[in-house]
Protein backbone atom coordinates (compact mmCIF):
# COMPACT_ATOMS: atom_id res chain seq x y z
CA MET A 1 133.51 -140.15 -15.85
CA THR A 2 130.17 -139.16 -17.37
CA GLY A 3 130.21 -135.50 -16.35
CA ARG A 4 128.90 -136.15 -12.84
CA LEU A 5 130.92 -137.20 -9.80
CA LEU A 6 129.68 -138.55 -6.47
CA ILE A 7 132.22 -138.13 -3.68
CA CYS A 8 131.38 -140.11 -0.55
CA THR A 9 133.62 -139.42 2.42
CA ASP A 10 134.01 -140.38 6.03
CA LEU A 11 134.34 -137.40 8.38
CA ASP A 12 136.50 -138.05 11.44
CA ARG A 13 140.20 -138.33 10.55
CA THR A 14 139.33 -138.27 6.85
CA LEU A 15 137.81 -134.92 5.91
CA ILE A 16 138.03 -133.68 9.50
CA PRO A 17 141.69 -133.28 10.60
CA ASN A 18 141.13 -134.48 14.17
CA GLY A 19 143.89 -137.06 14.30
CA PRO A 20 147.46 -136.57 15.54
CA GLN A 21 148.93 -136.06 12.06
CA SER A 22 149.30 -132.62 10.51
CA GLU A 23 146.94 -131.20 7.90
CA SER A 24 148.26 -129.61 4.72
CA ALA A 25 147.49 -125.90 4.63
CA GLY A 26 144.66 -125.06 2.27
CA ALA A 27 143.66 -128.66 1.57
CA ARG A 28 140.13 -128.31 2.97
CA LYS A 29 139.65 -125.07 1.03
CA HIS A 30 140.54 -126.82 -2.22
CA PHE A 31 138.12 -129.61 -1.33
CA ALA A 32 135.46 -126.93 -0.82
CA MET A 33 136.25 -125.55 -4.28
CA LEU A 34 135.73 -129.03 -5.72
CA ALA A 35 132.53 -129.54 -3.74
CA GLN A 36 130.90 -126.37 -5.05
CA ARG A 37 131.12 -127.52 -8.66
CA PRO A 38 127.68 -128.29 -10.14
CA GLU A 39 128.98 -131.60 -11.49
CA VAL A 40 129.94 -132.80 -8.01
CA THR A 41 127.61 -134.41 -5.46
CA ILE A 42 128.92 -134.73 -1.90
CA ALA A 43 127.83 -137.36 0.62
CA TYR A 44 129.20 -137.49 4.15
CA VAL A 45 129.31 -141.11 5.35
CA THR A 46 129.80 -141.27 9.08
CA GLY A 47 129.02 -142.91 12.38
CA ARG A 48 127.90 -139.51 13.67
CA HIS A 49 124.24 -138.66 14.13
CA ARG A 50 122.69 -135.57 12.57
CA ALA A 51 123.44 -133.09 15.37
CA LEU A 52 127.12 -134.09 15.44
CA VAL A 53 127.37 -133.82 11.65
CA GLU A 54 125.91 -130.31 11.76
CA GLN A 55 128.32 -129.46 14.58
CA ALA A 56 131.28 -130.70 12.51
CA ILE A 57 130.18 -128.70 9.46
CA GLY A 58 130.16 -125.54 11.58
CA ASN A 59 133.31 -126.21 13.60
CA TYR A 60 135.48 -127.22 10.64
CA LEU A 61 133.91 -124.98 7.97
CA LEU A 62 132.99 -127.96 5.81
CA PRO A 63 130.89 -127.67 2.65
CA VAL A 64 127.22 -128.41 3.25
CA PRO A 65 126.76 -131.84 1.61
CA ASP A 66 124.02 -133.02 -0.69
CA PHE A 67 123.52 -136.21 1.32
CA VAL A 68 124.47 -137.57 4.71
CA VAL A 69 124.72 -141.28 5.41
CA GLY A 70 124.71 -141.18 9.20
CA ASP A 71 124.53 -143.39 12.26
CA VAL A 72 126.88 -146.03 10.76
CA GLY A 73 124.74 -146.46 7.65
CA THR A 74 121.33 -146.68 9.30
CA THR A 75 120.10 -143.27 8.11
CA ILE A 76 120.29 -141.42 4.81
CA TYR A 77 119.39 -137.74 4.59
CA HIS A 78 119.03 -135.46 1.58
CA VAL A 79 120.21 -131.97 2.47
CA GLY A 80 118.30 -129.42 0.41
CA PRO A 81 119.38 -125.98 -0.89
CA GLU A 82 117.98 -124.28 2.21
CA LYS A 83 119.89 -126.74 4.44
CA GLU A 84 116.72 -128.68 5.17
CA TRP A 85 117.37 -132.32 6.06
CA VAL A 86 114.95 -134.86 4.59
CA ARG A 87 115.21 -138.39 5.96
CA GLN A 88 115.10 -141.06 3.23
CA THR A 89 112.65 -143.46 4.87
CA THR A 90 112.74 -145.92 1.97
CA TRP A 91 116.21 -146.98 3.11
CA GLU A 92 115.06 -147.57 6.67
CA GLN A 93 112.12 -149.64 5.43
CA GLN A 94 114.59 -151.85 3.57
CA ILE A 95 116.93 -152.48 6.48
CA ALA A 96 114.03 -152.94 8.94
CA GLN A 97 113.25 -156.27 7.28
CA ASP A 98 116.46 -157.75 8.74
CA TRP A 99 115.10 -157.37 12.27
CA GLY A 100 111.85 -159.11 11.35
CA GLY A 101 109.59 -156.42 12.75
CA ARG A 102 111.48 -156.10 16.03
CA THR A 103 112.32 -152.68 17.43
CA ARG A 104 115.56 -151.44 18.96
CA MET A 105 114.02 -151.96 22.39
CA ASP A 106 113.22 -155.56 21.46
CA ILE A 107 116.85 -156.12 20.49
CA LYS A 108 117.95 -154.51 23.77
CA SER A 109 115.77 -156.97 25.68
CA LEU A 110 117.27 -159.92 23.79
CA LEU A 111 120.77 -158.82 24.85
CA SER A 112 119.96 -157.96 28.46
CA GLY A 113 122.24 -159.48 31.05
CA LEU A 114 125.22 -160.01 28.75
CA PRO A 115 128.51 -159.14 30.47
CA ALA A 116 130.48 -156.00 29.63
CA LEU A 117 127.71 -154.25 27.64
CA ARG A 118 126.83 -150.75 28.85
CA LEU A 119 124.18 -148.86 26.90
CA GLN A 120 125.28 -145.60 25.29
CA GLU A 121 123.37 -142.35 25.74
CA SER A 122 119.93 -142.02 24.12
CA ALA A 123 121.22 -139.38 21.67
CA LYS A 124 123.57 -142.03 20.20
CA GLN A 125 120.74 -144.50 19.52
CA ASN A 126 118.19 -144.56 16.72
CA ASP A 127 115.44 -146.84 15.46
CA TYR A 128 117.90 -149.25 13.83
CA LYS A 129 121.10 -148.68 15.79
CA LEU A 130 121.60 -150.09 19.28
CA SER A 131 124.89 -148.83 20.70
CA TYR A 132 126.91 -149.98 23.70
CA TYR A 133 130.16 -149.14 25.48
CA VAL A 134 132.44 -152.14 25.99
CA PRO A 135 135.68 -152.23 28.05
CA LEU A 136 138.76 -152.47 25.86
CA HIS A 137 139.92 -155.63 27.64
CA SER A 138 136.71 -157.50 26.76
CA ASP A 139 136.96 -160.65 24.65
CA ARG A 140 135.25 -159.49 21.47
CA ASN A 141 135.13 -162.93 19.88
CA THR A 142 133.40 -164.53 22.84
CA LEU A 143 131.02 -161.61 23.29
CA SER A 144 130.20 -161.57 19.56
CA ALA A 145 129.40 -165.27 19.65
CA MET A 146 127.06 -164.78 22.60
CA ILE A 147 125.27 -161.89 20.89
CA ASP A 148 124.98 -163.77 17.59
CA ALA A 149 123.51 -166.82 19.34
CA ARG A 150 120.79 -164.80 21.03
CA LEU A 151 119.86 -162.86 17.90
CA LYS A 152 119.83 -165.89 15.62
CA ALA A 153 117.63 -167.77 18.08
CA SER A 154 115.06 -165.00 17.58
CA ASP A 155 115.55 -164.93 13.78
CA VAL A 156 117.15 -161.48 13.88
CA LYS A 157 119.67 -160.77 11.10
CA ALA A 158 122.17 -158.32 12.52
CA ARG A 159 125.58 -156.78 11.91
CA LEU A 160 127.98 -156.03 14.76
CA ILE A 161 130.26 -153.02 14.30
CA TRP A 162 133.16 -152.79 16.74
CA SER A 163 135.27 -149.67 17.11
CA VAL A 164 137.28 -147.73 19.69
CA ASP A 165 136.80 -144.25 21.13
CA GLU A 166 140.51 -143.51 21.42
CA PRO A 167 140.26 -140.21 23.38
CA ASP A 168 138.05 -141.82 26.04
CA GLY A 169 139.77 -145.21 25.96
CA ILE A 170 136.58 -147.24 25.59
CA GLY A 171 135.35 -149.81 23.11
CA LEU A 172 132.17 -149.23 21.12
CA LEU A 173 129.66 -151.70 19.72
CA ASP A 174 126.83 -150.94 17.31
CA VAL A 175 124.18 -153.59 16.67
CA LEU A 176 122.57 -152.90 13.28
CA PRO A 177 120.33 -154.65 10.77
CA GLN A 178 122.47 -156.92 8.61
CA ARG A 179 122.15 -154.72 5.51
CA ALA A 180 122.86 -151.51 7.39
CA SER A 181 126.44 -150.47 6.70
CA LYS A 182 128.33 -147.68 5.05
CA TYR A 183 128.86 -149.89 2.00
CA HIS A 184 125.24 -150.90 1.53
CA ALA A 185 124.02 -147.36 2.17
CA ILE A 186 126.40 -145.98 -0.45
CA GLU A 187 125.21 -148.60 -2.93
CA ALA A 188 121.60 -147.59 -2.17
CA LEU A 189 122.46 -143.91 -2.64
CA MET A 190 124.15 -144.66 -5.98
CA CYS A 191 121.10 -146.60 -7.11
CA MET A 192 118.64 -143.91 -6.01
CA HIS A 193 120.44 -141.18 -7.93
CA ASP A 194 121.80 -143.07 -10.92
CA PHE A 195 125.50 -143.08 -10.07
CA SER A 196 127.78 -145.95 -11.06
CA GLN A 197 131.23 -147.14 -10.04
CA ASP A 198 132.57 -145.10 -12.95
CA ASN A 199 131.57 -141.80 -11.35
CA THR A 200 131.71 -142.55 -7.62
CA VAL A 201 134.68 -142.27 -5.23
CA PHE A 202 134.74 -143.15 -1.53
CA CYS A 203 137.32 -141.76 0.92
CA GLY A 204 138.05 -143.18 4.37
CA ASP A 205 140.69 -143.87 7.01
CA SER A 206 139.63 -146.54 9.48
CA GLY A 207 138.48 -150.08 10.11
CA ASN A 208 134.87 -148.96 9.88
CA ASP A 209 135.55 -148.11 6.23
CA ILE A 210 137.16 -151.43 5.31
CA GLU A 211 134.09 -152.95 3.65
CA VAL A 212 133.91 -150.05 1.19
CA LEU A 213 137.68 -149.77 0.75
CA ALA A 214 137.90 -153.43 -0.29
CA SER A 215 134.85 -153.28 -2.54
CA ALA A 216 134.50 -152.56 -6.26
CA ILE A 217 133.67 -148.92 -5.48
CA PRO A 218 136.78 -146.83 -6.31
CA SER A 219 138.15 -145.83 -2.91
CA VAL A 220 140.84 -143.70 -1.31
CA LEU A 221 142.61 -144.50 1.95
CA VAL A 222 144.17 -141.30 3.28
CA ALA A 223 147.83 -141.30 4.32
CA ASN A 224 147.10 -140.74 8.02
CA SER A 225 145.37 -144.13 8.26
CA GLN A 226 146.83 -146.71 10.63
CA ALA A 227 149.31 -149.25 9.24
CA ASP A 228 147.10 -152.21 10.17
CA VAL A 229 144.16 -150.67 8.29
CA ARG A 230 146.32 -150.20 5.19
CA GLN A 231 147.55 -153.78 5.40
CA LEU A 232 144.05 -155.22 5.85
CA ALA A 233 142.58 -153.08 3.07
CA ARG A 234 145.32 -154.18 0.67
CA GLN A 235 144.88 -157.83 1.58
CA LEU A 236 141.09 -157.83 1.27
CA ALA A 237 141.20 -155.92 -2.02
CA GLU A 238 143.77 -158.38 -3.37
CA ASP A 239 141.69 -161.35 -2.22
CA GLY A 240 138.58 -159.86 -3.80
CA GLY A 241 140.24 -158.84 -7.05
CA THR A 242 139.61 -155.13 -6.47
CA SER A 243 143.17 -153.89 -5.96
CA ASP A 244 142.74 -151.49 -8.87
CA ARG A 245 139.83 -149.89 -6.96
CA LEU A 246 141.91 -149.04 -3.87
CA TYR A 247 144.20 -146.01 -3.86
CA ILE A 248 146.38 -145.37 -0.81
CA ALA A 249 147.51 -141.75 -0.59
CA GLU A 250 151.22 -141.17 -0.08
CA GLY A 251 151.52 -137.39 -0.34
CA GLY A 252 153.28 -135.31 -2.96
CA PHE A 253 150.16 -134.31 -4.89
CA GLN A 254 150.29 -130.51 -5.29
CA GLY A 255 153.00 -130.44 -2.62
CA MET A 256 150.63 -131.74 0.07
CA ASN A 257 151.22 -134.48 2.64
CA GLY A 258 148.37 -136.88 1.78
CA ASN A 259 146.71 -136.63 5.19
CA TYR A 260 142.98 -135.98 5.57
CA SER A 261 141.50 -133.89 2.71
CA ALA A 262 144.90 -133.70 0.98
CA GLY A 263 144.78 -137.48 0.60
CA MET A 264 141.20 -137.29 -0.59
CA LEU A 265 142.12 -134.84 -3.34
CA GLU A 266 145.14 -136.97 -4.30
CA GLY A 267 142.98 -140.07 -4.68
CA ILE A 268 140.17 -138.30 -6.53
CA ALA A 269 142.76 -136.94 -8.97
CA HIS A 270 144.09 -140.49 -9.43
CA TYR A 271 140.69 -141.77 -10.55
CA HIS A 272 139.48 -138.62 -12.29
CA PRO A 273 142.38 -136.45 -13.52
CA GLU A 274 139.94 -134.06 -15.16
CA ALA A 275 138.64 -133.12 -11.70
CA VAL A 276 141.99 -131.51 -10.79
CA ALA A 277 140.92 -128.38 -12.66
CA TRP A 278 137.86 -128.18 -10.37
CA MET A 279 140.11 -128.09 -7.29
CA ALA A 280 141.34 -124.61 -8.28
CA PHE A 281 145.02 -125.05 -7.46
CA ASP A 282 145.79 -122.40 -10.05
CA GLU A 283 144.03 -119.76 -7.99
CA GLU A 284 144.00 -118.70 -4.37
CA PRO A 285 141.07 -120.43 -2.66
CA SER A 286 138.70 -118.08 -0.88
CA ALA A 287 138.92 -117.93 2.91
């Protein structure tokens, strides 16, 4: 490490302990101690939009980050010292090229009439993210092929992100510009602010994080991740020759269980042992 450290982390079920597994007492407080160090830059990388990120920061007493990669990688914000959010429009100009000048409403028109797609609420859409609800029983492969055919016929380069809203029991689909993803947004953020793989760590838990977890960016998969995600991440990292850049938390670090922020701290310590001193385990973290 060169004296600076960029920590990029997913929120839900990674930093935020909103899964069924237990959270180690004090883990988030020690993460906050790490985050307040002047050497450390924090970026939240999430599918949430700005209002939901701000809500999470308040509800879970999270450190205010330096950057937010939101809306599944379609927005990047710089969060200033007075908590002012500045949208990084250069990133959006880059990804806009993939849609060839078409707007979100144009993409919506191209996909009109396809079975099973139900548009999500307006608050969950943005200029370069078209989001739908999809029944869990839908045939994703067939539906993906139909969407791809329509978009390619109009020379639209797009990325389809499938996920599941487990509490509501509904499938989710985001249609994005091809270059819009957590991985590409993190790479753009690293480039903008002169970070390298040597001083960047990503933390995640789910299938939406797989592209980063299997990349050359040093990554941490927290212990509360699903078994199929761990298996896929291992396999893709092995296939890509990046197994040494994937750390899967097991628990035991500082007596913690490896879930959520405890797993994040465990993985960060694996890559950057000198950062353990910044986590302040030798003192009682402030409430």
